[in-house]
């Protein structure tokens, strides 16, 4: 009943009114209102109103409040909502090319990540276009590291640990380290840690800060394994219904927001580490046997991604490497 009511309300909200009033769009987002991705979503909506002279009015719904993270892409594809944001690599099980940003240790700086996105963008947009989606903008998270409730020196310390995963790559890393992957959305992470459903995870400092994980965990290891991207997507039908002028305004807002969001992510990276330390966590680089094992696992995952994606994946890597 809740799903039916939500879909009905969204369908009403997406239609352009015959008398020329503004078109209203609801935009579900998976992360908390205080997360920088969600804050940038609000800025994007503000810019859209400005650049379309109020013709398109987007209301942001953060924290999985309208649709849960795992439901957002499907909701946009099927027209239950016209627009939404999701972690791109969460769809790698649908098409491995969408894990382009989760290939370990390939692009570990913001500049490298941007170059990799530019190499992957045409293929990714084609794949998503076939799924009735238009990509408006993307934004990287800071580099990913490991959270634990104890010191970790090697995989000997990780056997049997219940590990929160958010996509195929994180589950693969967990299994290679002898851990047990458990699928948990970001909005449910605090509860999962509090109840023991999860005991460790890989993410950026942003997630640790947003969810106050120092209440449950003690150590953060900087690994910078990859820099996953969120993306804002639009239902292709809803996009086509907009006038050329409104689409141009949305595209301008998207371009500016994507650039600002990337800069914000880079700006916040060290802030998050400092806040974790202020709240009692040990924040340090992965080192020794643990770091060596991560590199070995990463190399294996690189090979597997290229095998899974074939010529398309190799073309992305060639373009990125300048070959």
Protein backbone atom coordinates (compact mmCIF):
# COMPACT_ATOMS: atom_id res chain seq x y z
CA UNK A 1 0.00 0.00 0.00
CA UNK A 2 2.81 2.41 0.90
CA UNK A 3 4.56 1.71 -2.43
CA UNK A 4 1.32 2.22 -4.38
CA UNK A 5 0.62 5.51 -2.63
CA UNK A 6 4.20 6.71 -3.15
CA UNK A 7 4.08 5.83 -6.84
CA UNK A 8 0.72 7.56 -7.29
CA UNK A 9 1.92 10.74 -5.62
CA UNK A 10 5.12 10.71 -7.68
CA UNK A 11 3.17 10.30 -10.93
CA UNK A 12 1.04 13.32 -10.07
CA UNK A 13 4.13 15.31 -9.17
CA UNK A 14 5.96 14.58 -12.41
CA UNK A 15 3.37 15.83 -14.83
CA UNK A 16 3.66 19.27 -16.39
CA UNK A 17 0.43 21.13 -15.70
CA UNK A 18 -1.65 22.17 -18.65
CA UNK A 19 -2.02 25.73 -17.40
CA UNK A 20 1.71 26.36 -17.56
CA UNK A 21 2.49 26.06 -13.87
CA UNK A 22 5.77 24.54 -12.71
CA UNK A 23 6.53 20.88 -13.15
CA UNK A 24 7.25 19.33 -9.74
CA UNK A 25 9.75 16.49 -9.37
CA UNK A 26 10.55 14.44 -6.25
CA UNK A 27 14.20 13.39 -5.97
CA UNK A 28 15.02 10.50 -3.59
CA UNK A 29 18.58 10.28 -2.25
CA UNK A 30 20.04 7.48 -0.14
CA UNK A 31 22.29 9.40 2.23
CA UNK A 32 21.52 11.57 5.26
CA UNK A 33 20.57 15.22 4.87
CA UNK A 34 23.89 16.26 6.42
CA UNK A 35 25.98 14.27 3.95
CA UNK A 36 27.67 16.45 1.33
CA UNK A 37 26.09 14.50 -1.54
CA UNK A 38 22.63 15.30 -0.19
CA UNK A 39 23.58 18.91 0.47
CA UNK A 40 24.76 19.19 -3.12
CA UNK A 41 21.48 17.66 -4.26
CA UNK A 42 19.66 20.53 -2.56
CA UNK A 43 22.00 23.04 -4.23
CA UNK A 44 21.30 21.38 -7.58
CA UNK A 45 17.55 21.71 -7.01
CA UNK A 46 17.99 25.39 -6.12
CA UNK A 47 20.01 25.99 -9.29
CA UNK A 48 17.40 24.21 -11.41
CA UNK A 49 14.68 26.50 -10.07
CA UNK A 50 16.87 29.51 -10.81
CA UNK A 51 18.04 28.47 -14.27
CA UNK A 52 14.59 27.36 -15.44
CA UNK A 53 12.86 30.48 -14.05
CA UNK A 54 10.82 28.23 -11.77
CA UNK A 55 9.52 26.00 -14.56
CA UNK A 56 10.94 22.90 -12.83
CA UNK A 57 10.70 22.53 -9.05
CA UNK A 58 12.69 19.63 -7.54
CA UNK A 59 12.12 18.51 -3.95
CA UNK A 60 14.98 16.48 -2.44
CA UNK A 61 14.17 13.54 -0.12
CA UNK A 62 17.42 12.44 1.60
CA UNK A 63 18.17 9.50 3.87
CA UNK A 64 16.13 6.94 1.95
CA UNK A 65 12.95 8.65 3.18
CA UNK A 66 11.04 8.32 -0.11
CA UNK A 67 12.69 5.19 -1.53
CA UNK A 68 15.44 3.11 0.06
CA UNK A 69 18.85 3.23 -1.59
CA UNK A 70 18.40 -0.13 -3.26
CA UNK A 71 15.03 0.96 -4.70
CA UNK A 72 15.96 4.32 -6.19
CA UNK A 73 17.30 3.28 -9.59
CA UNK A 74 14.33 1.01 -10.27
CA UNK A 75 11.92 3.74 -9.17
CA UNK A 76 13.45 6.17 -11.68
CA UNK A 77 13.60 3.60 -14.48
CA UNK A 78 9.92 2.75 -14.11
CA UNK A 79 8.74 6.34 -13.69
CA UNK A 80 7.66 6.09 -10.05
CA UNK A 81 9.83 9.18 -9.61
CA UNK A 82 11.42 11.20 -12.43
CA UNK A 83 14.83 11.77 -10.83
CA UNK A 84 17.04 10.26 -8.14
CA UNK A 85 20.59 9.68 -6.95
CA UNK A 86 22.38 6.40 -6.31
CA UNK A 87 25.85 4.94 -5.94
CA UNK A 88 26.73 3.83 -9.48
CA UNK A 89 28.67 0.72 -8.53
CA UNK A 90 25.65 -0.57 -6.59
CA UNK A 91 24.40 -1.71 -10.03
CA UNK A 92 27.51 -3.70 -10.96
CA UNK A 93 25.52 -6.90 -10.60
CA UNK A 94 23.37 -5.69 -13.51
CA UNK A 95 26.34 -4.78 -15.72
CA UNK A 96 29.99 -5.03 -14.57
CA UNK A 97 30.90 -1.95 -16.61
CA UNK A 98 29.16 0.08 -13.87
CA UNK A 99 31.93 -0.95 -11.48
CA UNK A 100 34.45 1.10 -13.46
CA UNK A 101 35.09 3.24 -10.36
CA UNK A 102 35.59 0.24 -8.04
CA UNK A 103 38.61 -1.31 -9.74
CA UNK A 104 41.11 -1.21 -6.86
CA UNK A 105 44.17 1.03 -6.90
CA UNK A 106 43.71 2.22 -10.51
CA UNK A 107 42.63 5.80 -9.80
CA UNK A 108 43.47 6.89 -6.26
CA UNK A 109 43.50 10.69 -6.50
CA UNK A 110 40.72 13.10 -7.43
CA UNK A 111 42.44 14.04 -10.69
CA UNK A 112 42.94 10.39 -11.60
CA UNK A 113 39.35 9.59 -10.71
CA UNK A 114 38.11 12.40 -12.94
CA UNK A 115 40.28 11.16 -15.81
CA UNK A 116 38.92 7.63 -15.34
CA UNK A 117 35.35 8.94 -15.35
CA UNK A 118 35.94 10.82 -18.60
CA UNK A 119 37.28 7.60 -20.12
CA UNK A 120 34.31 5.57 -18.87
CA UNK A 121 31.58 8.17 -19.39
CA UNK A 122 30.55 7.40 -23.01
CA UNK A 123 30.20 3.68 -22.32
CA UNK A 124 28.46 4.18 -18.98
CA UNK A 125 25.98 6.65 -20.46
CA UNK A 126 25.22 4.19 -23.27
CA UNK A 127 24.61 1.35 -20.81
CA UNK A 128 22.33 3.46 -18.63
CA UNK A 129 20.61 4.95 -21.67
CA UNK A 130 19.53 1.44 -22.65
CA UNK A 131 17.94 1.23 -19.19
CA UNK A 132 15.76 4.31 -19.74
CA UNK A 133 18.06 6.62 -17.79
CA UNK A 134 19.79 9.93 -18.52
CA UNK A 135 22.85 10.81 -16.42
CA UNK A 136 22.90 14.44 -15.23
CA UNK A 137 25.98 14.60 -13.02
CA UNK A 138 28.29 12.43 -10.95
CA UNK A 139 30.31 13.10 -7.82
CA UNK A 140 33.12 11.06 -6.22
CA UNK A 141 33.41 10.07 -2.60
CA UNK A 142 36.78 10.47 -0.88
CA UNK A 143 39.04 7.42 -1.06
CA UNK A 144 37.81 4.24 0.60
CA UNK A 145 39.39 2.78 3.73
CA UNK A 146 38.59 0.09 6.30
CA UNK A 147 36.75 0.49 9.60
CA UNK A 148 37.28 -2.13 12.32
CA UNK A 149 36.60 -2.54 16.03
CA UNK A 150 40.18 -3.70 16.63
CA UNK A 151 43.71 -3.33 15.30
CA UNK A 152 44.32 -5.27 12.07
CA UNK A 153 47.79 -6.32 10.96
CA UNK A 154 46.87 -9.00 8.43
CA UNK A 155 44.02 -11.20 7.26
CA UNK A 156 44.64 -13.35 10.35
CA UNK A 157 42.78 -10.61 12.24
CA UNK A 158 39.79 -10.46 9.90
CA UNK A 159 38.63 -14.07 9.75
CA UNK A 160 34.89 -14.41 10.30
CA UNK A 161 34.29 -10.69 10.81
CA UNK A 162 30.81 -9.59 9.67
CA UNK A 163 31.50 -7.00 7.01
CA UNK A 164 29.00 -4.47 5.68
CA UNK A 165 29.10 -4.48 1.89
CA UNK A 166 27.42 -2.03 -0.47
CA UNK A 167 28.27 -3.56 -3.84
CA UNK A 168 30.02 -6.46 -5.57
CA UNK A 169 33.53 -5.07 -5.08
CA UNK A 170 33.16 -4.62 -1.33
CA UNK A 171 31.78 -8.15 -0.97
CA UNK A 172 34.71 -9.51 -3.00
CA UNK A 173 37.24 -7.69 -0.80
CA UNK A 174 35.51 -9.02 2.32
CA UNK A 175 35.54 -12.63 1.17
CA UNK A 176 39.18 -12.43 0.08
CA UNK A 177 40.07 -11.31 3.63
CA UNK A 178 38.07 -14.13 5.18
CA UNK A 179 35.19 -11.92 6.27
CA UNK A 180 31.45 -12.47 5.88
CA UNK A 181 29.77 -9.81 3.68
CA UNK A 182 26.40 -8.46 4.80
CA UNK A 183 24.40 -6.13 2.55
CA UNK A 184 23.57 -2.96 4.53
CA UNK A 185 22.42 0.40 3.15
CA UNK A 186 24.07 3.56 4.51
CA UNK A 187 20.85 4.66 6.23
CA UNK A 188 20.83 1.38 8.18
CA UNK A 189 24.54 1.30 9.06
CA UNK A 190 24.34 2.71 12.60
CA UNK A 191 21.71 0.17 13.60
CA UNK A 192 23.67 -2.66 11.98
CA UNK A 193 26.79 -1.74 13.96
CA UNK A 194 24.85 -1.29 17.20
CA UNK A 195 23.17 -4.68 16.92
CA UNK A 196 26.21 -6.60 15.71
CA UNK A 197 24.78 -7.29 12.26
CA UNK A 198 27.99 -5.68 10.93
CA UNK A 199 31.35 -5.35 12.67
CA UNK A 200 33.45 -3.69 9.97
CA UNK A 201 33.14 -2.00 6.59
CA UNK A 202 34.99 -0.13 3.87
CA UNK A 203 34.01 3.44 3.08
CA UNK A 204 35.28 6.99 3.11
CA UNK A 205 35.71 9.15 6.17
CA UNK A 206 32.41 10.78 5.22
CA UNK A 207 30.32 7.76 6.12
CA UNK A 208 32.14 7.27 9.41
CA UNK A 209 31.56 10.91 10.31
CA UNK A 210 27.91 10.97 9.22
CA UNK A 211 27.04 7.78 11.12
CA UNK A 212 29.21 8.53 14.20
CA UNK A 213 30.83 5.12 13.94
CA UNK A 214 33.23 5.93 16.79
CA UNK A 215 30.34 4.86 19.00
CA UNK A 216 30.94 1.29 17.83
CA UNK A 217 34.34 1.02 16.11
CA UNK A 218 37.89 1.94 17.06
CA UNK A 219 40.16 1.88 13.99
CA UNK A 220 40.16 3.42 10.52
CA UNK A 221 42.79 2.33 8.00
CA UNK A 222 43.49 4.66 5.09
CA UNK A 223 43.68 2.51 1.98
CA UNK A 224 42.34 4.72 -0.83
CA UNK A 225 41.32 1.58 -2.66
CA UNK A 226 38.97 3.46 -4.99
CA UNK A 227 36.77 6.56 -5.16
CA UNK A 228 33.21 5.48 -5.98
CA UNK A 229 30.80 7.89 -7.61
CA UNK A 230 27.21 8.75 -6.93
CA UNK A 231 25.20 9.82 -9.93
CA UNK A 232 22.00 11.75 -10.47
CA UNK A 233 19.77 10.08 -13.05
CA UNK A 234 16.54 11.08 -14.80
CA UNK A 235 13.86 8.90 -16.34
CA UNK A 236 14.30 9.27 -20.11
CA UNK A 237 10.60 9.82 -20.69
CA UNK A 238 10.40 12.57 -18.09
CA UNK A 239 13.49 14.16 -19.60
CA UNK A 240 12.01 14.14 -23.08
CA UNK A 241 8.86 15.85 -21.82
CA UNK A 242 10.82 18.92 -20.74
CA UNK A 243 11.18 21.80 -23.16
CA UNK A 244 14.56 22.52 -24.75
CA UNK A 245 14.89 25.64 -22.60
CA UNK A 246 14.21 23.78 -19.35
CA UNK A 247 16.60 20.96 -20.30
CA UNK A 248 19.32 23.53 -20.98
CA UNK A 249 18.79 25.02 -17.52
CA UNK A 250 18.94 21.61 -15.87
CA UNK A 251 22.13 20.73 -17.75
CA UNK A 252 23.77 23.98 -16.63
CA UNK A 253 22.77 23.28 -13.02
CA UNK A 254 24.06 19.71 -13.31
CA UNK A 255 27.43 20.74 -14.75
CA UNK A 256 28.00 23.32 -12.03
CA UNK A 257 26.85 20.99 -9.23
CA UNK A 258 29.02 18.10 -10.38
CA UNK A 259 32.10 20.32 -10.39
CA UNK A 260 31.27 21.85 -7.00
CA UNK A 261 30.53 18.45 -5.47
CA UNK A 262 33.86 17.03 -6.59
CA UNK A 263 35.67 20.03 -5.06
CA UNK A 264 33.68 19.63 -1.84
CA UNK A 265 34.61 15.96 -1.59
CA UNK A 266 38.29 16.78 -1.92
CA UNK A 267 38.02 19.64 0.57
CA UNK A 268 36.37 17.43 3.20
CA UNK A 269 38.73 14.46 2.99
CA UNK A 270 41.14 15.49 5.75
CA UNK A 271 38.37 17.07 7.80
CA UNK A 272 36.72 13.68 8.14
CA UNK A 273 39.94 12.04 9.30
CA UNK A 274 40.44 14.77 11.89
CA UNK A 275 36.90 14.35 13.20
CA UNK A 276 37.30 10.58 13.51
CA UNK A 277 40.46 11.12 15.56
CA UNK A 278 38.84 13.82 17.70
CA UNK A 279 36.19 11.31 18.65
CA UNK A 280 38.68 8.68 19.77
CA UNK A 281 39.33 6.57 16.69
CA UNK A 282 42.80 5.48 15.63
CA UNK A 283 43.31 6.73 12.06
CA UNK A 284 46.36 5.38 10.26
CA UNK A 285 47.60 4.10 6.91
CA UNK A 286 47.26 0.40 6.22
CA UNK A 287 50.74 -1.07 6.43
CA UNK A 288 52.77 -4.26 6.56
CA UNK A 289 51.17 -7.57 5.72
CA UNK A 290 47.68 -6.03 5.65
CA UNK A 291 48.64 -3.48 2.99
CA UNK A 292 50.46 -6.15 0.94
CA UNK A 293 47.42 -8.41 1.03
CA UNK A 294 45.14 -5.59 -0.08
CA UNK A 295 47.38 -4.91 -3.08
CA UNK A 296 47.30 -8.59 -4.04
CA UNK A 297 43.53 -8.72 -3.78
CA UNK A 298 43.28 -5.49 -5.77
CA UNK A 299 45.40 -6.88 -8.61
CA UNK A 300 43.20 -9.96 -8.79
CA UNK A 301 40.06 -7.81 -8.87
CA UNK A 302 41.50 -5.69 -11.68
CA UNK A 303 42.05 -8.83 -13.76
CA UNK A 304 38.55 -10.09 -12.98
CA UNK A 305 36.89 -6.80 -13.96
CA UNK A 306 38.69 -6.77 -17.30
CA UNK A 307 37.65 -10.38 -17.87
CA UNK A 308 34.02 -9.57 -16.98
CA UNK A 309 33.81 -6.46 -19.17
CA UNK A 310 35.85 -7.66 -22.16
CA UNK A 311 36.61 -5.18 -24.92
CA UNK A 312 34.49 -2.42 -23.35
CA UNK A 313 36.43 -2.52 -20.08
CA UNK A 314 39.78 -2.71 -21.82
CA UNK A 315 38.85 0.28 -23.99
CA UNK A 316 38.10 2.31 -20.85
CA UNK A 317 41.45 1.41 -19.32
CA UNK A 318 43.29 2.12 -22.56
CA UNK A 319 41.64 5.54 -22.83
CA UNK A 320 42.48 6.27 -19.18
CA UNK A 321 46.08 5.22 -19.57
CA UNK A 322 46.39 7.23 -22.78
CA UNK A 323 46.98 4.24 -25.04
